[in-house]
PDB file of N, CA and C in Angstrom:
ATOM      1  N   UNK A   1       0.846  -1.186   0.000  1.00  0.00           N
ATOM      2  CA  UNK A   1       0.000   0.000   0.000  1.00  0.00           C
ATOM      3  C   UNK A   1       0.885   1.241   0.000  1.00  0.00           C
ATOM      4  N   UNK A   2       0.533   2.199  -0.809  1.00  0.00           N
ATOM      5  CA  UNK A   2       1.268   3.450  -0.919  1.00  0.00           C
ATOM      6  C   UNK A   2       0.327   4.614  -0.625  1.00  0.00           C
ATOM      7  N   UNK A   3       0.903   5.711  -0.192  1.00  0.00           N
ATOM      8  CA  UNK A   3       0.115   6.911   0.084  1.00  0.00           C
ATOM      9  C   UNK A   3       0.630   8.066  -0.762  1.00  0.00           C
ATOM     10  N   UNK A   4      -0.303   8.852  -1.248  1.00  0.00           N
ATOM     11  CA  UNK A   4      -0.009  10.103  -1.940  1.00  0.00           C
ATOM     12  C   UNK A   4      -0.727  11.194  -1.172  1.00  0.00           C
ATOM     13  N   UNK A   5       0.019  12.221  -0.782  1.00  0.00           N
ATOM     14  CA  UNK A   5      -0.559  13.341  -0.060  1.00  0.00           C
ATOM     15  C   UNK A   5      -0.401  14.612  -0.881  1.00  0.00           C
ATOM     16  N   UNK A   6      -1.485  15.319  -1.023  1.00  0.00           N
ATOM     17  CA  UNK A   6      -1.465  16.655  -1.629  1.00  0.00           C
ATOM     18  C   UNK A   6      -1.963  17.573  -0.525  1.00  0.00           C
ATOM     19  N   UNK A   7      -1.043  18.327   0.056  1.00  0.00           N
ATOM     20  CA  UNK A   7      -1.347  19.074   1.271  1.00  0.00           C
ATOM     21  C   UNK A   7      -1.206  20.577   1.075  1.00  0.00           C
ATOM     22  N   UNK A   8      -2.003  21.289   1.838  1.00  0.00           N
ATOM     23  CA  UNK A   8      -1.889  22.746   1.841  1.00  0.00           C
ATOM     24  C   UNK A   8      -2.388  23.419   0.584  1.00  0.00           C
ATOM     25  N   UNK A   9      -3.450  22.879  -0.001  1.00  0.00           N
ATOM     26  CA  UNK A   9      -4.052  23.525  -1.168  1.00  0.00           C
ATOM     27  C   UNK A   9      -4.778  24.770  -0.649  1.00  0.00           C
ATOM     28  N   UNK A  10      -4.233  25.936  -0.946  1.00  0.00           N
ATOM     29  CA  UNK A  10      -4.802  27.200  -0.473  1.00  0.00           C
ATOM     30  C   UNK A  10      -5.766  27.757  -1.506  1.00  0.00           C
ATOM     31  N   UNK A  11      -7.006  27.974  -1.061  1.00  0.00           N
ATOM     32  CA  UNK A  11      -8.044  28.443  -1.981  1.00  0.00           C
ATOM     33  C   UNK A  11      -8.889  29.506  -1.288  1.00  0.00           C
ATOM     34  N   UNK A  12      -9.215  30.546  -2.015  1.00  0.00           N
ATOM     35  CA  UNK A  12     -10.150  31.552  -1.531  1.00  0.00           C
ATOM     36  C   UNK A  12     -11.519  31.156  -2.069  1.00  0.00           C
ATOM     37  N   UNK A  13     -12.505  31.015  -1.168  1.00  0.00           N
ATOM     38  CA  UNK A  13     -13.826  30.548  -1.591  1.00  0.00           C
ATOM     39  C   UNK A  13     -14.915  31.246  -0.777  1.00  0.00           C
ATOM     40  N   UNK A  14     -16.157  30.935  -1.098  1.00  0.00           N
ATOM     41  CA  UNK A  14     -17.304  31.677  -0.578  1.00  0.00           C
ATOM     42  C   UNK A  14     -18.334  30.788   0.106  1.00  0.00           C
ATOM     43  N   UNK A  15     -17.886  29.916   0.987  1.00  0.00           N
ATOM     44  CA  UNK A  15     -18.785  29.011   1.687  1.00  0.00           C
ATOM     45  C   UNK A  15     -19.196  29.595   3.027  1.00  0.00           C
ATOM     46  N   UNK A  16     -20.390  29.190   3.491  1.00  0.00           N
ATOM     47  CA  UNK A  16     -20.842  29.620   4.801  1.00  0.00           C
ATOM     48  C   UNK A  16     -22.337  29.869   4.828  1.00  0.00           C
ATOM     49  N   UNK A  17     -22.879  29.842   6.018  1.00  0.00           N
ATOM     50  CA  UNK A  17     -24.319  30.035   6.207  1.00  0.00           C
ATOM     51  C   UNK A  17     -24.719  31.506   6.155  1.00  0.00           C
ATOM     52  N   UNK A  18     -23.786  32.394   6.447  1.00  0.00           N
ATOM     53  CA  UNK A  18     -24.095  33.823   6.453  1.00  0.00           C
ATOM     54  C   UNK A  18     -24.064  34.386   5.031  1.00  0.00           C
ATOM     55  N   UNK A  19     -24.988  35.289   4.736  1.00  0.00           N
ATOM     56  CA  UNK A  19     -25.036  35.924   3.419  1.00  0.00           C
ATOM     57  C   UNK A  19     -23.711  36.624   3.117  1.00  0.00           C
ATOM     58  N   UNK A  20     -23.139  37.260   4.135  1.00  0.00           N
ATOM     59  CA  UNK A  20     -21.880  37.980   3.955  1.00  0.00           C
ATOM     60  C   UNK A  20     -20.754  37.065   3.488  1.00  0.00           C
ATOM     61  N   UNK A  21     -20.768  35.814   3.950  1.00  0.00           N
ATOM     62  CA  UNK A  21     -19.715  34.868   3.555  1.00  0.00           C
ATOM     63  C   UNK A  21     -19.761  34.592   2.053  1.00  0.00           C
ATOM     64  N   UNK A  22     -20.965  34.640   1.490  1.00  0.00           N
ATOM     65  CA  UNK A  22     -21.115  34.435   0.055  1.00  0.00           C
ATOM     66  C   UNK A  22     -20.620  35.612  -0.758  1.00  0.00           C
ATOM     67  N   UNK A  23     -20.513  36.781  -0.118  1.00  0.00           N
ATOM     68  CA  UNK A  23     -20.043  37.976  -0.811  1.00  0.00           C
ATOM     69  C   UNK A  23     -18.564  38.252  -0.537  1.00  0.00           C
ATOM     70  N   UNK A  24     -18.154  38.065   0.709  1.00  0.00           N
ATOM     71  CA  UNK A  24     -16.791  38.408   1.124  1.00  0.00           C
ATOM     72  C   UNK A  24     -15.829  37.244   0.911  1.00  0.00           C
ATOM     73  N   UNK A  25     -16.257  36.033   1.292  1.00  0.00           N
ATOM     74  CA  UNK A  25     -15.413  34.850   1.180  1.00  0.00           C
ATOM     75  C   UNK A  25     -14.320  34.818   2.237  1.00  0.00           C
ATOM     76  N   UNK A  26     -13.531  33.760   2.213  1.00  0.00           N
ATOM     77  CA  UNK A  26     -12.392  33.643   3.124  1.00  0.00           C
ATOM     78  C   UNK A  26     -11.428  32.576   2.604  1.00  0.00           C
ATOM     79  N   UNK A  27     -10.338  32.411   3.317  1.00  0.00           N
ATOM     80  CA  UNK A  27      -9.302  31.459   2.927  1.00  0.00           C
ATOM     81  C   UNK A  27      -9.595  30.063   3.475  1.00  0.00           C
ATOM     82  N   UNK A  28      -9.287  29.071   2.664  1.00  0.00           N
ATOM     83  CA  UNK A  28      -9.446  27.667   3.023  1.00  0.00           C
ATOM     84  C   UNK A  28      -8.154  26.927   2.694  1.00  0.00           C
ATOM     85  N   UNK A  29      -7.953  25.840   3.419  1.00  0.00           N
ATOM     86  CA  UNK A  29      -6.850  24.930   3.122  1.00  0.00           C
ATOM     87  C   UNK A  29      -7.445  23.536   2.985  1.00  0.00           C
ATOM     88  N   UNK A  30      -7.084  22.851   1.912  1.00  0.00           N
ATOM     89  CA  UNK A  30      -7.566  21.486   1.687  1.00  0.00           C
ATOM     90  C   UNK A  30      -6.361  20.555   1.641  1.00  0.00           C
ATOM     91  N   UNK A  31      -6.467  19.443   2.373  1.00  0.00           N
ATOM     92  CA  UNK A  31      -5.445  18.395   2.372  1.00  0.00           C
ATOM     93  C   UNK A  31      -6.088  17.101   1.890  1.00  0.00           C
ATOM     94  N   UNK A  32      -5.382  16.387   1.019  1.00  0.00           N
ATOM     95  CA  UNK A  32      -5.898  15.133   0.464  1.00  0.00           C
ATOM     96  C   UNK A  32      -4.871  14.034   0.687  1.00  0.00           C
ATOM     97  N   UNK A  33      -5.324  12.904   1.236  1.00  0.00           N
ATOM     98  CA  UNK A  33      -4.470  11.731   1.406  1.00  0.00           C
ATOM     99  C   UNK A  33      -5.157  10.567   0.682  1.00  0.00           C
ATOM    100  N   UNK A  34      -4.401   9.925  -0.214  1.00  0.00           N
ATOM    101  CA  UNK A  34      -4.938   8.807  -0.987  1.00  0.00           C
ATOM    102  C   UNK A  34      -4.042   7.595  -0.829  1.00  0.00           C
ATOM    103  N   UNK A  35      -4.652   6.467  -0.548  1.00  0.00           N
ATOM    104  CA  UNK A  35      -3.913   5.201  -0.547  1.00  0.00           C
ATOM    105  C   UNK A  35      -4.203   4.499  -1.857  1.00  0.00           C
ATOM    106  N   UNK A  36      -3.143   4.020  -2.474  1.00  0.00           N
ATOM    107  CA  UNK A  36      -3.239   3.371  -3.778  1.00  0.00           C
ATOM    108  C   UNK A  36      -2.039   2.453  -3.935  1.00  0.00           C
ATOM    109  N   UNK A  37      -1.935   1.829  -5.062  1.00  0.00           N
ATOM    110  CA  UNK A  37      -0.763   1.012  -5.358  1.00  0.00           C
ATOM    111  C   UNK A  37      -0.070   1.634  -6.565  1.00  0.00           C
ATOM    112  N   UNK A  38       1.055   2.294  -6.327  1.00  0.00           N
ATOM    113  CA  UNK A  38       1.776   2.899  -7.450  1.00  0.00           C
ATOM    114  C   UNK A  38       3.069   2.155  -7.767  1.00  0.00           C
ATOM    115  N   UNK A  39       3.075   0.845  -7.524  1.00  0.00           N
ATOM    116  CA  UNK A  39       4.241   0.021  -7.825  1.00  0.00           C
ATOM    117  C   UNK A  39       4.647   0.144  -9.291  1.00  0.00           C
ATOM    118  N   UNK A  40       3.684   0.027 -10.210  1.00  0.00           N
ATOM    119  CA  UNK A  40       3.995   0.108 -11.641  1.00  0.00           C
ATOM    120  C   UNK A  40       4.573   1.472 -12.009  1.00  0.00           C
ATOM    121  N   UNK A  41       4.025   2.531 -11.443  1.00  0.00           N
ATOM    122  CA  UNK A  41       4.540   3.872 -11.735  1.00  0.00           C
ATOM    123  C   UNK A  41       5.970   4.026 -11.224  1.00  0.00           C
ATOM    124  N   UNK A  42       6.226   3.487 -10.050  1.00  0.00           N
ATOM    125  CA  UNK A  42       7.573   3.574  -9.476  1.00  0.00           C
ATOM    126  C   UNK A  42       8.589   2.820 -10.329  1.00  0.00           C
ATOM    127  N   UNK A  43       8.155   1.716 -10.927  1.00  0.00           N
ATOM    128  CA  UNK A  43       9.061   0.910 -11.765  1.00  0.00           C
ATOM    129  C   UNK A  43       9.255   1.507 -13.154  1.00  0.00           C
ATOM    130  N   UNK A  44       8.175   2.078 -13.707  1.00  0.00           N
ATOM    131  CA  UNK A  44       8.222   2.504 -15.107  1.00  0.00           C
ATOM    132  C   UNK A  44       8.386   4.014 -15.294  1.00  0.00           C
ATOM    133  N   UNK A  45       8.233   4.782 -14.220  1.00  0.00           N
ATOM    134  CA  UNK A  45       8.313   6.243 -14.289  1.00  0.00           C
ATOM    135  C   UNK A  45       7.233   6.794 -15.212  1.00  0.00           C
ATOM    136  N   UNK A  46       6.042   6.176 -15.172  1.00  0.00           N
ATOM    137  CA  UNK A  46       4.929   6.525 -16.059  1.00  0.00           C
ATOM    138  C   UNK A  46       3.816   7.181 -15.244  1.00  0.00           C
ATOM    139  N   UNK A  47       3.551   8.443 -15.523  1.00  0.00           N
ATOM    140  CA  UNK A  47       2.522   9.202 -14.803  1.00  0.00           C
ATOM    141  C   UNK A  47       1.140   8.568 -14.931  1.00  0.00           C
ATOM    142  N   UNK A  48       0.871   7.916 -16.042  1.00  0.00           N
ATOM    143  CA  UNK A  48      -0.442   7.311 -16.269  1.00  0.00           C
ATOM    144  C   UNK A  48      -0.724   6.146 -15.315  1.00  0.00           C
ATOM    145  N   UNK A  49       0.311   5.665 -14.612  1.00  0.00           N
ATOM    146  CA  UNK A  49       0.146   4.523 -13.713  1.00  0.00           C
ATOM    147  C   UNK A  49       0.052   4.946 -12.251  1.00  0.00           C
ATOM    148  N   UNK A  50      -0.189   6.230 -12.033  1.00  0.00           N
ATOM    149  CA  UNK A  50      -0.354   6.735 -10.667  1.00  0.00           C
ATOM    150  C   UNK A  50      -1.419   7.817 -10.674  1.00  0.00           C
ATOM    151  N   UNK A  51      -1.531   8.543  -9.592  1.00  0.00           N
ATOM    152  CA  UNK A  51      -2.501   9.619  -9.456  1.00  0.00           C
ATOM    153  C   UNK A  51      -1.801  10.944  -9.767  1.00  0.00           C
ATOM    154  N   UNK A  52      -2.320  11.649 -10.738  1.00  0.00           N
ATOM    155  CA  UNK A  52      -1.736  12.918 -11.177  1.00  0.00           C
ATOM    156  C   UNK A  52      -2.137  14.021 -10.190  1.00  0.00           C
ATOM    157  N   UNK A  53      -1.139  14.619  -9.535  1.00  0.00           N
ATOM    158  CA  UNK A  53      -1.396  15.650  -8.524  1.00  0.00           C
ATOM    159  C   UNK A  53      -2.089  16.868  -9.113  1.00  0.00           C
ATOM    160  N   UNK A  54      -1.802  17.172 -10.369  1.00  0.00           N
ATOM    161  CA  UNK A  54      -2.420  18.327 -11.017  1.00  0.00           C
ATOM    162  C   UNK A  54      -3.927  18.120 -11.142  1.00  0.00           C
ATOM    163  N   UNK A  55      -4.327  16.907 -11.463  1.00  0.00           N
ATOM    164  CA  UNK A  55      -5.759  16.617 -11.566  1.00  0.00           C
ATOM    165  C   UNK A  55      -6.412  16.682 -10.190  1.00  0.00           C
ATOM    166  N   UNK A  56      -5.725  16.215  -9.161  1.00  0.00           N
ATOM    167  CA  UNK A  56      -6.241  16.324  -7.786  1.00  0.00           C
ATOM    168  C   UNK A  56      -6.488  17.788  -7.457  1.00  0.00           C
ATOM    169  N   UNK A  57      -5.499  18.629  -7.724  1.00  0.00           N
ATOM    170  CA  UNK A  57      -5.642  20.064  -7.467  1.00  0.00           C
ATOM    171  C   UNK A  57      -6.822  20.651  -8.240  1.00  0.00           C
ATOM    172  N   UNK A  58      -6.931  20.303  -9.514  1.00  0.00           N
ATOM    173  CA  UNK A  58      -8.010  20.832 -10.353  1.00  0.00           C
ATOM    174  C   UNK A  58      -9.381  20.424  -9.815  1.00  0.00           C
ATOM    175  N   UNK A  59      -9.506  19.197  -9.338  1.00  0.00           N
ATOM    176  CA  UNK A  59     -10.775  18.728  -8.764  1.00  0.00           C
ATOM    177  C   UNK A  59     -11.108  19.518  -7.503  1.00  0.00           C
ATOM    178  N   UNK A  60     -10.136  19.681  -6.636  1.00  0.00           N
ATOM    179  CA  UNK A  60     -10.359  20.448  -5.399  1.00  0.00           C
ATOM    180  C   UNK A  60     -10.768  21.874  -5.751  1.00  0.00           C
ATOM    181  N   UNK A  61     -10.041  22.498  -6.652  1.00  0.00           N
ATOM    182  CA  UNK A  61     -10.333  23.878  -7.047  1.00  0.00           C
ATOM    183  C   UNK A  61     -11.753  24.004  -7.616  1.00  0.00           C
ATOM    184  N   UNK A  62     -12.148  23.074  -8.469  1.00  0.00           N
ATOM    185  CA  UNK A  62     -13.477  23.119  -9.083  1.00  0.00           C
ATOM    186  C   UNK A  62     -14.576  22.956  -8.036  1.00  0.00           C
ATOM    187  N   UNK A  63     -14.404  22.031  -7.114  1.00  0.00           N
ATOM    188  CA  UNK A  63     -15.428  21.803  -6.092  1.00  0.00           C
ATOM    189  C   UNK A  63     -15.482  22.958  -5.087  1.00  0.00           C
ATOM    190  N   UNK A  64     -14.347  23.545  -4.777  1.00  0.00           N
ATOM    191  CA  UNK A  64     -14.322  24.691  -3.855  1.00  0.00           C
ATOM    192  C   UNK A  64     -14.973  25.921  -4.479  1.00  0.00           C
ATOM    193  N   UNK A  65     -15.037  25.977  -5.800  1.00  0.00           N
ATOM    194  CA  UNK A  65     -15.651  27.116  -6.490  1.00  0.00           C
ATOM    195  C   UNK A  65     -17.174  27.077  -6.450  1.00  0.00           C
ATOM    196  N   UNK A  66     -17.745  25.936  -6.089  1.00  0.00           N
ATOM    197  CA  UNK A  66     -19.203  25.793  -6.001  1.00  0.00           C
ATOM    198  C   UNK A  66     -19.628  26.144  -4.574  1.00  0.00           C
ATOM    199  N   UNK A  67     -20.374  27.206  -4.424  1.00  0.00           N
ATOM    200  CA  UNK A  67     -20.756  27.685  -3.091  1.00  0.00           C
ATOM    201  C   UNK A  67     -21.636  26.681  -2.357  1.00  0.00           C
ATOM    202  N   UNK A  68     -21.320  26.487  -1.086  1.00  0.00           N
ATOM    203  CA  UNK A  68     -22.117  25.665  -0.182  1.00  0.00           C
ATOM    204  C   UNK A  68     -22.221  26.382   1.151  1.00  0.00           C
ATOM    205  N   UNK A  69     -23.252  26.084   1.887  1.00  0.00           N
ATOM    206  CA  UNK A  69     -23.364  26.618   3.240  1.00  0.00           C
ATOM    207  C   UNK A  69     -22.379  25.913   4.165  1.00  0.00           C
ATOM    208  N   UNK A  70     -22.187  24.613   3.951  1.00  0.00           N
ATOM    209  CA  UNK A  70     -21.388  23.796   4.862  1.00  0.00           C
ATOM    210  C   UNK A  70     -20.138  23.254   4.182  1.00  0.00           C
ATOM    211  N   UNK A  71     -19.009  23.331   4.902  1.00  0.00           N
ATOM    212  CA  UNK A  71     -17.789  22.731   4.358  1.00  0.00           C
ATOM    213  C   UNK A  71     -17.904  21.211   4.355  1.00  0.00           C
ATOM    214  N   UNK A  72     -18.834  20.677   5.122  1.00  0.00           N
ATOM    215  CA  UNK A  72     -19.087  19.237   5.087  1.00  0.00           C
ATOM    216  C   UNK A  72     -19.523  18.813   3.692  1.00  0.00           C
ATOM    217  N   UNK A  73     -20.388  19.617   3.058  1.00  0.00           N
ATOM    218  CA  UNK A  73     -20.853  19.294   1.708  1.00  0.00           C
ATOM    219  C   UNK A  73     -19.722  19.439   0.696  1.00  0.00           C
ATOM    220  N   UNK A  74     -18.929  20.482   0.841  1.00  0.00           N
ATOM    221  CA  UNK A  74     -17.792  20.684  -0.066  1.00  0.00           C
ATOM    222  C   UNK A  74     -16.835  19.496   0.021  1.00  0.00           C
ATOM    223  N   UNK A  75     -16.517  19.087   1.249  1.00  0.00           N
ATOM    224  CA  UNK A  75     -15.622  17.946   1.449  1.00  0.00           C
ATOM    225  C   UNK A  75     -16.143  16.683   0.801  1.00  0.00           C
ATOM    226  N   UNK A  76     -17.444  16.433   0.938  1.00  0.00           N
ATOM    227  CA  UNK A  76     -18.025  15.225   0.339  1.00  0.00           C
ATOM    228  C   UNK A  76     -17.985  15.288  -1.179  1.00  0.00           C
ATOM    229  N   UNK A  77     -18.222  16.458  -1.746  1.00  0.00           N
ATOM    230  CA  UNK A  77     -18.127  16.597  -3.206  1.00  0.00           C
ATOM    231  C   UNK A  77     -16.712  16.317  -3.694  1.00  0.00           C
ATOM    232  N   UNK A  78     -15.716  16.798  -2.944  1.00  0.00           N
ATOM    233  CA  UNK A  78     -14.321  16.542  -3.318  1.00  0.00           C
ATOM    234  C   UNK A  78     -14.038  15.044  -3.276  1.00  0.00           C
ATOM    235  N   UNK A  79     -14.467  14.372  -2.199  1.00  0.00           N
ATOM    236  CA  UNK A  79     -14.291  12.920  -2.071  1.00  0.00           C
ATOM    237  C   UNK A  79     -14.937  12.203  -3.248  1.00  0.00           C
ATOM    238  N   UNK A  80     -16.179  12.532  -3.533  1.00  0.00           N
ATOM    239  CA  UNK A  80     -16.907  11.861  -4.617  1.00  0.00           C
ATOM    240  C   UNK A  80     -16.228  12.067  -5.966  1.00  0.00           C
ATOM    241  N   UNK A  81     -15.776  13.281  -6.238  1.00  0.00           N
ATOM    242  CA  UNK A  81     -15.134  13.572  -7.523  1.00  0.00           C
ATOM    243  C   UNK A  81     -13.795  12.853  -7.659  1.00  0.00           C
ATOM    244  N   UNK A  82     -13.018  12.806  -6.562  1.00  0.00           N
ATOM    245  CA  UNK A  82     -11.733  12.102  -6.616  1.00  0.00           C
ATOM    246  C   UNK A  82     -11.931  10.605  -6.830  1.00  0.00           C
ATOM    247  N   UNK A  83     -12.904  10.020  -6.136  1.00  0.00           N
ATOM    248  CA  UNK A  83     -13.159   8.587  -6.301  1.00  0.00           C
ATOM    249  C   UNK A  83     -13.648   8.259  -7.710  1.00  0.00           C
ATOM    250  N   UNK A  84     -14.414   9.165  -8.295  1.00  0.00           N
ATOM    251  CA  UNK A  84     -14.893   8.954  -9.663  1.00  0.00           C
ATOM    252  C   UNK A  84     -13.735   9.039 -10.661  1.00  0.00           C
ATOM    253  N   UNK A  85     -12.848  10.008 -10.458  1.00  0.00           N
ATOM    254  CA  UNK A  85     -11.728  10.216 -11.382  1.00  0.00           C
ATOM    255  C   UNK A  85     -10.664   9.125 -11.270  1.00  0.00           C
ATOM    256  N   UNK A  86     -10.368   8.717 -10.028  1.00  0.00           N
ATOM    257  CA  UNK A  86      -9.283   7.763  -9.789  1.00  0.00           C
ATOM    258  C   UNK A  86      -9.833   6.495  -9.134  1.00  0.00           C
ATOM    259  N   UNK A  87     -10.139   5.505  -9.945  1.00  0.00           N
ATOM    260  CA  UNK A  87     -10.694   4.260  -9.419  1.00  0.00           C
ATOM    261  C   UNK A  87      -9.659   3.437  -8.665  1.00  0.00           C
ATOM    262  N   UNK A  88      -8.403   3.811  -8.774  1.00  0.00           N
ATOM    263  CA  UNK A  88      -7.337   3.080  -8.078  1.00  0.00           C
ATOM    264  C   UNK A  88      -7.227   3.473  -6.606  1.00  0.00           C
ATOM    265  N   UNK A  89      -7.945   4.500  -6.175  1.00  0.00           N
ATOM    266  CA  UNK A  89      -7.890   4.918  -4.771  1.00  0.00           C
ATOM    267  C   UNK A  89      -8.540   3.841  -3.908  1.00  0.00           C
ATOM    268  N   UNK A  90      -7.779   3.346  -2.942  1.00  0.00           N
ATOM    269  CA  UNK A  90      -8.294   2.321  -2.038  1.00  0.00           C
ATOM    270  C   UNK A  90      -8.781   2.923  -0.721  1.00  0.00           C
ATOM    271  N   UNK A  91      -8.170   4.018  -0.326  1.00  0.00           N
ATOM    272  CA  UNK A  91      -8.585   4.745   0.873  1.00  0.00           C
ATOM    273  C   UNK A  91      -8.338   6.217   0.597  1.00  0.00           C
ATOM    274  N   UNK A  92      -9.247   7.054   1.102  1.00  0.00           N
ATOM    275  CA  UNK A  92      -9.174   8.472   0.804  1.00  0.00           C
ATOM    276  C   UNK A  92      -9.527   9.272   2.042  1.00  0.00           C
ATOM    277  N   UNK A  93      -8.761  10.324   2.278  1.00  0.00           N
ATOM    278  CA  UNK A  93      -9.078  11.241   3.371  1.00  0.00           C
ATOM    279  C   UNK A  93      -8.951  12.657   2.851  1.00  0.00           C
ATOM    280  N   UNK A  94      -9.997  13.451   3.087  1.00  0.00           N
ATOM    281  CA  UNK A  94     -10.014  14.844   2.672  1.00  0.00           C
ATOM    282  C   UNK A  94     -10.295  15.700   3.902  1.00  0.00           C
ATOM    283  N   UNK A  95      -9.454  16.711   4.090  1.00  0.00           N
ATOM    284  CA  UNK A  95      -9.616  17.656   5.192  1.00  0.00           C
ATOM    285  C   UNK A  95      -9.825  19.040   4.591  1.00  0.00           C
ATOM    286  N   UNK A  96     -10.925  19.687   4.975  1.00  0.00           N
ATOM    287  CA  UNK A  96     -11.210  21.046   4.538  1.00  0.00           C
ATOM    288  C   UNK A  96     -11.160  21.933   5.778  1.00  0.00           C
ATOM    289  N   UNK A  97     -10.315  22.957   5.723  1.00  0.00           N
ATOM    290  CA  UNK A  97     -10.128  23.872   6.846  1.00  0.00           C
ATOM    291  C   UNK A  97     -10.524  25.278   6.427  1.00  0.00           C
ATOM    292  N   UNK A  98     -11.379  25.890   7.234  1.00  0.00           N
ATOM    293  CA  UNK A  98     -11.789  27.275   7.030  1.00  0.00           C
ATOM    294  C   UNK A  98     -11.008  28.130   8.013  1.00  0.00           C
ATOM    295  N   UNK A  99     -10.257  29.103   7.492  1.00  0.00           N
ATOM    296  CA  UNK A  99      -9.437  29.959   8.339  1.00  0.00           C
ATOM    297  C   UNK A  99     -10.241  31.175   8.803  1.00  0.00           C
ATOM    298  N   UNK A 100     -10.050  31.532  10.059  1.00  0.00           N
ATOM    299  CA  UNK A 100     -10.709  32.702  10.655  1.00  0.00           C
ATOM    300  C   UNK A 100     -12.211  32.738  10.405  1.00  0.00           C
ATOM    301  N   UNK A 101     -12.930  31.692  10.827  1.00  0.00           N
ATOM    302  CA  UNK A 101     -14.377  31.658  10.599  1.00  0.00           C
ATOM    303  C   UNK A 101     -15.068  32.777  11.374  1.00  0.00           C
ATOM    304  N   UNK A 102     -16.151  33.328  10.810  1.00  0.00           N
ATOM    305  CA  UNK A 102     -16.872  34.406  11.492  1.00  0.00           C
ATOM    306  C   UNK A 102     -17.715  33.841  12.643  1.00  0.00           C
ATOM    307  N   UNK A 103     -17.147  33.874  13.823  1.00  0.00           N
ATOM    308  CA  UNK A 103     -17.825  33.352  15.011  1.00  0.00           C
ATOM    309  C   UNK A 103     -17.737  34.410  16.104  1.00  0.00           C
ATOM    310  N   UNK A 104     -18.542  34.257  17.104  1.00  0.00           N
ATOM    311  CA  UNK A 104     -18.498  35.170  18.242  1.00  0.00           C
ATOM    312  C   UNK A 104     -17.381  34.758  19.183  1.00  0.00           C
ATOM    313  N   UNK A 105     -16.177  34.847  18.716  1.00  0.00           N
ATOM    314  CA  UNK A 105     -15.009  34.472  19.499  1.00  0.00           C
ATOM    315  C   UNK A 105     -13.786  34.428  18.611  1.00  0.00           C
ATOM    316  N   UNK A 106     -12.639  34.296  19.229  1.00  0.00           N
ATOM    317  CA  UNK A 106     -11.378  34.269  18.503  1.00  0.00           C
ATOM    318  C   UNK A 106     -11.049  32.815  18.148  1.00  0.00           C
ATOM    319  N   UNK A 107     -11.407  32.400  16.938  1.00  0.00           N
ATOM    320  CA  UNK A 107     -11.178  31.037  16.474  1.00  0.00           C
ATOM    321  C   UNK A 107     -10.307  31.098  15.223  1.00  0.00           C
ATOM    322  N   UNK A 108      -9.176  30.419  15.284  1.00  0.00           N
ATOM    323  CA  UNK A 108      -8.216  30.448  14.179  1.00  0.00           C
ATOM    324  C   UNK A 108      -8.699  29.671  12.959  1.00  0.00           C
ATOM    325  N   UNK A 109      -9.307  28.493  13.204  1.00  0.00           N
ATOM    326  CA  UNK A 109      -9.730  27.651  12.087  1.00  0.00           C
ATOM    327  C   UNK A 109     -10.735  26.604  12.549  1.00  0.00           C
ATOM    328  N   UNK A 110     -11.537  26.143  11.605  1.00  0.00           N
ATOM    329  CA  UNK A 110     -12.399  24.982  11.824  1.00  0.00           C
ATOM    330  C   UNK A 110     -12.152  24.034  10.665  1.00  0.00           C
ATOM    331  N   UNK A 111     -12.227  22.735  10.929  1.00  0.00           N
ATOM    332  CA  UNK A 111     -11.930  21.743   9.903  1.00  0.00           C
ATOM    333  C   UNK A 111     -12.932  20.603   9.962  1.00  0.00           C
ATOM    334  N   UNK A 112     -13.120  19.976   8.809  1.00  0.00           N
ATOM    335  CA  UNK A 112     -13.838  18.700   8.731  1.00  0.00           C
ATOM    336  C   UNK A 112     -12.893  17.705   8.056  1.00  0.00           C
ATOM    337  N   UNK A 113     -13.028  16.443   8.424  1.00  0.00           N
ATOM    338  CA  UNK A 113     -12.245  15.379   7.806  1.00  0.00           C
ATOM    339  C   UNK A 113     -13.208  14.277   7.394  1.00  0.00           C
ATOM    340  N   UNK A 114     -13.105  13.859   6.154  1.00  0.00           N
ATOM    341  CA  UNK A 114     -13.896  12.735   5.650  1.00  0.00           C
ATOM    342  C   UNK A 114     -12.920  11.639   5.258  1.00  0.00           C
ATOM    343  N   UNK A 115     -13.101  10.451   5.835  1.00  0.00           N
ATOM    344  CA  UNK A 115     -12.268   9.289   5.520  1.00  0.00           C
ATOM    345  C   UNK A 115     -13.145   8.201   4.924  1.00  0.00           C
ATOM    346  N   UNK A 116     -12.759   7.724   3.788  1.00  0.00           N
ATOM    347  CA  UNK A 116     -13.512   6.632   3.136  1.00  0.00           C
ATOM    348  C   UNK A 116     -12.548   5.611   2.589  1.00  0.00           C
TER     349      UNK A 116
END
């Protein structure tokens, strides 16, 4: 079993329950961990035999561009899109972090993690 991590994907997006969040937006960080078997890619140096990080980034970026009230929904869309694109994924974990959420208090970040 092998792991591929694409970490610290920084994206500005417009998620949240408040109307203002849809207009102002905020910074998010997305981390993706995928378990797969890239033995053939390691032996042949062939990108087609592994998971292309650029496509992972593009999927995250596309899903983050679709406004949702909840980062839980955004995270699930990212999981679903990655599993559809890469059937070789055996285990997947996606973490979506919202920086400086608008709350009645000093909160640096909130995160959700989906593991499948």
